[in-house]
Protein backbone atom coordinates (compact mmCIF):
# COMPACT_ATOMS: atom_id res chain seq x y z
CA MET A 1 -37.08 -31.95 67.32
CA LYS A 2 -33.73 -31.29 68.99
CA ASN A 3 -32.30 -29.93 65.73
CA LYS A 4 -35.26 -27.57 65.41
CA LYS A 5 -34.71 -26.26 68.94
CA ASN A 6 -31.11 -25.50 68.04
CA TRP A 7 -32.43 -23.15 65.35
CA ALA A 8 -35.08 -21.48 67.53
CA VAL A 9 -32.82 -18.86 69.15
CA PRO A 10 -31.10 -17.92 65.85
CA ALA A 11 -34.60 -17.60 64.35
CA VAL A 12 -35.64 -15.07 67.02
CA LEU A 13 -32.42 -13.11 66.63
CA LEU A 14 -32.83 -13.07 62.85
CA SER A 15 -36.44 -11.94 63.31
CA MET A 16 -35.36 -8.94 65.41
CA LEU A 17 -32.59 -8.10 62.94
CA SER A 18 -35.16 -8.29 60.13
CA VAL A 19 -37.60 -5.96 61.93
CA GLN A 20 -34.99 -3.34 62.71
CA GLY A 21 -33.38 -3.70 59.29
CA GLY A 22 -36.80 -3.09 57.76
CA ALA A 23 -37.17 0.05 59.90
CA SER A 24 -33.76 1.23 58.66
CA ILE A 25 -34.79 0.73 55.03
CA ALA A 26 -38.02 2.57 55.78
CA LYS A 27 -36.06 5.53 57.14
CA TYR A 28 -34.23 5.77 53.81
CA LEU A 29 -37.63 6.34 52.18
CA PHE A 30 -38.61 9.21 54.51
CA PRO A 31 -36.93 12.01 52.50
CA ILE A 32 -38.89 10.92 49.40
CA LEU A 33 -42.18 9.46 50.65
CA GLY A 34 -42.33 10.82 54.21
CA PRO A 35 -43.53 8.83 57.22
CA ALA A 36 -47.17 8.67 56.05
CA GLY A 37 -46.25 7.53 52.54
CA THR A 38 -43.71 5.01 53.82
CA GLY A 39 -46.14 3.63 56.39
CA THR A 40 -48.93 3.37 53.81
CA LEU A 41 -46.70 1.59 51.34
CA ARG A 42 -45.33 -0.83 53.92
CA ILE A 43 -48.65 -1.74 55.55
CA GLY A 44 -50.48 -1.91 52.23
CA LEU A 45 -47.96 -4.24 50.58
CA ALA A 46 -47.69 -6.37 53.72
CA GLY A 47 -51.48 -6.67 53.88
CA ILE A 48 -51.71 -7.68 50.21
CA LEU A 49 -48.91 -10.22 50.64
CA LEU A 50 -50.45 -11.75 53.76
CA ALA A 51 -53.90 -11.88 52.16
CA ALA A 52 -52.50 -13.67 49.10
CA VAL A 53 -50.68 -16.24 51.25
CA ASN A 54 -53.16 -16.79 54.11
CA ARG A 55 -56.51 -16.18 52.36
CA PRO A 56 -58.52 -15.49 55.55
CA GLN A 57 -62.06 -16.85 55.66
CA VAL A 58 -63.71 -13.51 56.44
CA HIS A 59 -67.15 -14.81 55.48
CA LYS A 60 -67.08 -16.86 58.69
CA PHE A 61 -66.35 -13.85 60.94
CA THR A 62 -68.94 -12.97 63.55
CA ARG A 63 -69.82 -9.39 64.48
CA ALA A 64 -67.57 -9.69 67.55
CA ASN A 65 -64.71 -10.95 65.37
CA TRP A 66 -65.03 -7.91 63.12
CA LEU A 67 -65.03 -5.55 66.11
CA PHE A 68 -61.86 -7.12 67.50
CA ALA A 69 -60.28 -7.07 64.03
CA LEU A 70 -61.18 -3.38 63.71
CA ALA A 71 -59.56 -2.51 67.04
CA TYR A 72 -56.55 -4.64 66.13
CA GLY A 73 -56.12 -2.95 62.75
CA VAL A 74 -56.50 0.56 64.19
CA SER A 75 -53.81 -0.15 66.79
CA ILE A 76 -51.47 -1.44 64.05
CA CYS A 77 -52.13 1.62 61.87
CA PHE A 78 -51.46 4.34 64.42
CA MET A 79 -48.67 2.45 66.20
CA ASN A 80 -46.74 2.32 62.92
CA LEU A 81 -47.64 5.86 61.87
CA LEU A 82 -46.56 7.43 65.17
CA PHE A 83 -43.39 5.35 65.28
CA TYR A 84 -42.39 6.44 61.78
CA TYR A 85 -43.05 10.11 62.60
CA GLY A 86 -40.97 9.61 65.74
CA ILE A 87 -37.89 8.00 64.19
CA ARG A 88 -37.92 10.70 61.52
CA ARG A 89 -36.87 13.06 64.33
CA ILE A 90 -34.74 10.83 66.61
CA PRO A 91 -32.27 7.93 66.13
CA LEU A 92 -33.79 4.50 65.52
CA GLY A 93 -32.18 2.94 68.62
CA LEU A 94 -33.65 5.57 70.94
CA GLY A 95 -37.02 5.27 69.24
CA VAL A 96 -37.18 1.51 69.75
CA THR A 97 -36.07 1.90 73.38
CA VAL A 98 -38.73 4.46 74.28
CA GLU A 99 -41.41 2.54 72.36
CA PHE A 100 -40.47 -0.62 74.27
CA ILE A 101 -41.66 1.07 77.48
CA GLY A 102 -45.22 0.27 76.35
CA PRO A 103 -45.03 -3.54 76.48
CA LEU A 104 -42.63 -3.38 79.43
CA GLY A 105 -45.11 -1.25 81.36
CA LEU A 106 -47.87 -3.69 80.48
CA ALA A 107 -45.79 -6.58 81.82
CA LEU A 108 -45.15 -4.72 85.08
CA LEU A 109 -48.79 -3.69 85.51
CA THR A 110 -50.04 -7.25 85.04
CA SER A 111 -47.62 -8.61 87.63
CA ARG A 112 -47.93 -8.30 91.41
CA LYS A 113 -44.42 -9.22 92.53
CA ALA A 114 -42.46 -6.87 94.78
CA SER A 115 -39.35 -7.33 92.64
CA ASP A 116 -41.17 -5.63 89.75
CA PHE A 117 -40.72 -2.32 91.57
CA LEU A 118 -36.98 -2.69 90.99
CA TRP A 119 -37.46 -3.33 87.28
CA ALA A 120 -39.81 -0.34 87.02
CA LEU A 121 -37.16 1.89 88.63
CA LEU A 122 -34.50 0.54 86.27
CA ALA A 123 -36.70 1.21 83.23
CA GLY A 124 -37.48 4.66 84.58
CA ALA A 125 -33.77 5.35 84.95
CA GLY A 126 -33.32 4.46 81.29
CA ILE A 127 -36.01 6.95 80.23
CA VAL A 128 -34.55 9.66 82.48
CA LEU A 129 -31.21 9.20 80.76
CA ILE A 130 -32.77 9.51 77.29
CA VAL A 131 -34.97 12.58 77.87
CA PRO A 132 -33.15 15.85 76.96
CA TRP A 133 -33.80 17.70 80.23
CA ARG A 134 -31.52 20.61 79.30
CA GLY A 135 -32.44 21.06 75.68
CA GLY A 136 -30.18 18.33 74.36
CA SER A 137 -29.92 17.11 70.79
CA VAL A 138 -32.82 14.62 71.11
CA ASP A 139 -36.10 15.98 69.73
CA PRO A 140 -38.81 15.91 72.47
CA VAL A 141 -41.60 15.73 69.87
CA GLY A 142 -39.97 12.62 68.39
CA LEU A 143 -39.80 11.11 71.88
CA LEU A 144 -43.49 11.85 72.42
CA PHE A 145 -44.44 10.19 69.12
CA VAL A 146 -42.58 6.95 69.89
CA PHE A 147 -43.88 6.95 73.47
CA LEU A 148 -47.47 7.11 72.17
CA ALA A 149 -46.54 4.35 69.70
CA GLY A 150 -45.39 2.30 72.70
CA LEU A 151 -48.78 2.75 74.40
CA LEU A 152 -50.44 1.51 71.22
CA TRP A 153 -48.01 -1.43 71.14
CA ALA A 154 -49.26 -2.38 74.61
CA ALA A 155 -52.86 -2.05 73.36
CA TYR A 156 -51.94 -4.18 70.34
CA ILE A 157 -50.66 -6.92 72.65
CA VAL A 158 -53.84 -6.92 74.76
CA ILE A 159 -56.14 -6.88 71.72
CA GLY A 160 -53.96 -9.46 69.94
CA GLY A 161 -54.33 -11.87 72.85
CA LYS A 162 -58.10 -11.54 72.72
CA ILE A 163 -58.46 -11.77 68.94
CA THR A 164 -56.26 -14.87 68.59
CA ALA A 165 -58.46 -16.58 71.18
CA ARG A 166 -61.43 -16.09 68.86
CA MET A 167 -59.95 -16.86 65.42
CA LYS A 168 -56.90 -18.29 63.67
CA SER A 169 -53.72 -16.25 64.14
CA SER A 170 -53.16 -16.03 60.39
CA ASP A 171 -56.72 -14.73 59.85
CA ALA A 172 -56.32 -12.19 62.66
CA VAL A 173 -52.97 -10.85 61.48
CA THR A 174 -54.02 -10.68 57.83
CA THR A 175 -57.37 -9.00 58.51
CA GLY A 176 -55.82 -6.60 61.01
CA MET A 177 -53.12 -5.57 58.51
CA CYS A 178 -55.70 -4.98 55.75
CA ILE A 179 -57.86 -2.86 58.09
CA ALA A 180 -54.74 -0.94 59.14
CA PHE A 181 -54.11 -0.21 55.45
CA LEU A 182 -57.61 1.24 55.04
CA PHE A 183 -57.03 3.58 57.98
CA ILE A 184 -53.52 4.70 57.03
CA LEU A 185 -54.31 5.16 53.32
CA PRO A 186 -55.95 8.61 53.77
CA PHE A 187 -52.81 9.86 55.57
CA GLY A 188 -50.68 8.68 52.66
CA ILE A 189 -52.98 10.24 50.05
CA PHE A 190 -53.77 13.61 51.64
CA SER A 191 -50.19 14.18 52.83
CA GLY A 192 -49.11 14.08 49.19
CA ASP A 193 -46.28 11.73 50.20
CA LEU A 194 -47.31 9.08 47.65
CA ASP A 195 -47.06 11.47 44.70
CA ALA A 196 -43.39 10.55 44.23
CA LEU A 197 -44.08 6.81 44.16
CA ASP A 198 -42.48 4.91 41.27
CA LEU A 199 -41.56 1.30 40.51
CA LYS A 200 -38.21 1.51 42.31
CA LEU A 201 -39.79 2.87 45.50
CA LEU A 202 -42.57 0.30 45.21
CA LEU A 203 -39.98 -2.51 45.21
CA ILE A 204 -38.17 -0.96 48.19
CA GLY A 205 -41.51 -0.71 49.98
CA LEU A 206 -42.12 -4.38 49.26
CA GLY A 207 -38.77 -5.13 50.86
CA VAL A 208 -39.79 -3.15 53.95
CA GLY A 209 -43.06 -5.11 54.15
CA VAL A 210 -41.26 -8.45 53.85
CA PHE A 211 -38.50 -7.63 56.35
CA SER A 212 -40.78 -5.86 58.83
CA ASN A 213 -43.77 -8.23 58.72
CA ALA A 214 -43.81 -11.37 56.61
CA LEU A 215 -40.35 -12.74 57.50
CA PRO A 216 -40.28 -11.90 61.25
CA PHE A 217 -43.83 -13.22 61.82
CA SER A 218 -42.84 -16.53 60.21
CA LEU A 219 -39.62 -16.77 62.23
CA ASP A 220 -41.41 -15.90 65.49
CA LEU A 221 -44.06 -18.57 64.95
CA PHE A 222 -41.34 -21.13 64.22
CA ALA A 223 -39.44 -20.19 67.40
CA LEU A 224 -42.54 -20.16 69.63
CA LYS A 225 -43.24 -23.77 68.66
CA GLN A 226 -39.75 -24.81 69.81
CA VAL A 227 -38.95 -22.75 72.93
CA PRO A 228 -40.95 -21.62 76.00
CA ALA A 229 -42.73 -18.27 75.77
CA LYS A 230 -40.57 -16.89 78.60
CA THR A 231 -37.38 -17.66 76.67
CA PHE A 232 -38.86 -15.98 73.63
CA SER A 233 -39.80 -12.91 75.70
CA VAL A 234 -36.32 -12.60 77.21
CA LEU A 235 -34.84 -12.63 73.71
CA GLN A 236 -37.36 -9.98 72.61
CA SER A 237 -35.95 -7.74 75.34
CA LEU A 238 -32.95 -7.25 73.06
CA GLN A 239 -35.08 -5.27 70.58
CA PRO A 240 -33.71 -1.85 71.71
CA ALA A 241 -30.12 -3.07 71.23
CA PHE A 242 -30.92 -4.39 67.76
CA GLY A 243 -32.57 -1.07 66.94
CA ALA A 244 -29.49 0.87 68.05
CA LEU A 245 -27.11 -1.42 66.17
CA SER A 246 -29.28 -1.30 63.05
CA GLY A 247 -29.32 2.50 63.20
CA LEU A 248 -25.55 2.54 63.59
CA VAL A 249 -24.78 0.07 60.78
CA PHE A 250 -27.41 1.07 58.20
CA LEU A 251 -28.00 4.74 58.99
CA GLY A 252 -24.75 5.87 60.65
CA GLU A 253 -26.65 7.02 63.78
CA ILE A 254 -24.07 7.28 66.56
CA LEU A 255 -25.36 7.28 70.14
CA SER A 256 -23.65 8.75 73.19
CA VAL A 257 -22.43 6.64 76.11
CA ARG A 258 -25.34 7.98 78.17
CA GLN A 259 -27.84 6.84 75.55
CA TRP A 260 -26.28 3.37 75.37
CA ILE A 261 -26.56 3.13 79.18
CA ALA A 262 -30.23 4.11 78.88
CA ILE A 263 -30.80 1.32 76.35
CA LEU A 264 -29.02 -1.16 78.64
CA CYS A 265 -31.26 -0.14 81.56
CA VAL A 266 -34.41 -0.83 79.55
CA ILE A 267 -33.06 -4.18 78.31
CA LEU A 268 -32.15 -5.29 81.86
CA ALA A 269 -35.53 -4.13 83.20
CA SER A 270 -37.41 -6.03 80.49
CA THR A 271 -35.30 -9.16 80.96
CA GLY A 272 -35.68 -9.06 84.75
CA ALA A 273 -39.43 -8.44 84.63
CA THR A 274 -39.89 -11.30 82.16
CA MET A 275 -37.77 -13.82 84.08
CA CYS A 276 -39.57 -13.03 87.34
CA SER A 277 -43.06 -13.12 85.87
CA ALA A 278 -45.44 -16.01 85.38
CA PRO A 279 -45.56 -17.60 81.92
CA ARG A 280 -47.73 -15.61 79.53
CA LYS A 281 -48.60 -15.59 75.86
CA ILE A 282 -46.34 -13.46 73.71
CA THR A 283 -47.54 -11.33 70.85
CA SER A 284 -44.81 -10.04 68.55
CA GLN A 285 -44.48 -6.46 67.14
CA PRO A 286 -45.73 -5.77 63.68
CA GLU A 287 -43.16 -3.08 62.90
């Protein structure tokens, strides 16, 4: 057991690197497949892979289970779609930082501690530093897209907590991903983005699905069995930094000092809010 705990933190760090690496690979596909085509390919292949591995027992679902699964899948679909449209316009690191405001805001709203006001101010300072108030180089439409994706991430967390209380986590994730595929498929088809799809792009899309979903979900579940949820949540607060580093290494996206300070503010706010909050169940991001 002790040896497993020693691997828990590296597993979480590898999970975050996998998610952001997958997002970087996805961004390479944008010029060819576009955000809608890339999102459709990634969610579709991830859903097929999860269904083949987990084989959810959908015949046992109740009407309430299907309603929760529907809401869960819709949140996954539009969270991913908006995020992809957002990072098409702005650097990956900034996109992850702004999107992270969703779950951070949820954590602050569900807490009643006076210290949370400080963390809210710190997070707000980070957003103020990112927003291009004087017509800077950051696209405001891209910021809006990832902000809306962050709100859907918060909704995904709330719905995820409810759905996993009613059914197996593997059934919930698999069914939600397949429903998300059904909703995103029309965007991929009618946008015309999938017209350029070939075997090479299909294999790259499979890589995005594995790195963005299958691998990080497995690593997160392993880590959550070995470390407290609060420790896991504190580590998840590093997501914006991993996004910025992934954008720098894989995409050559260089951020200004001001933007790095903004990312640091959000990370500190998330870490502080998590450490001062009561223990709560963590639901990871399916991006």
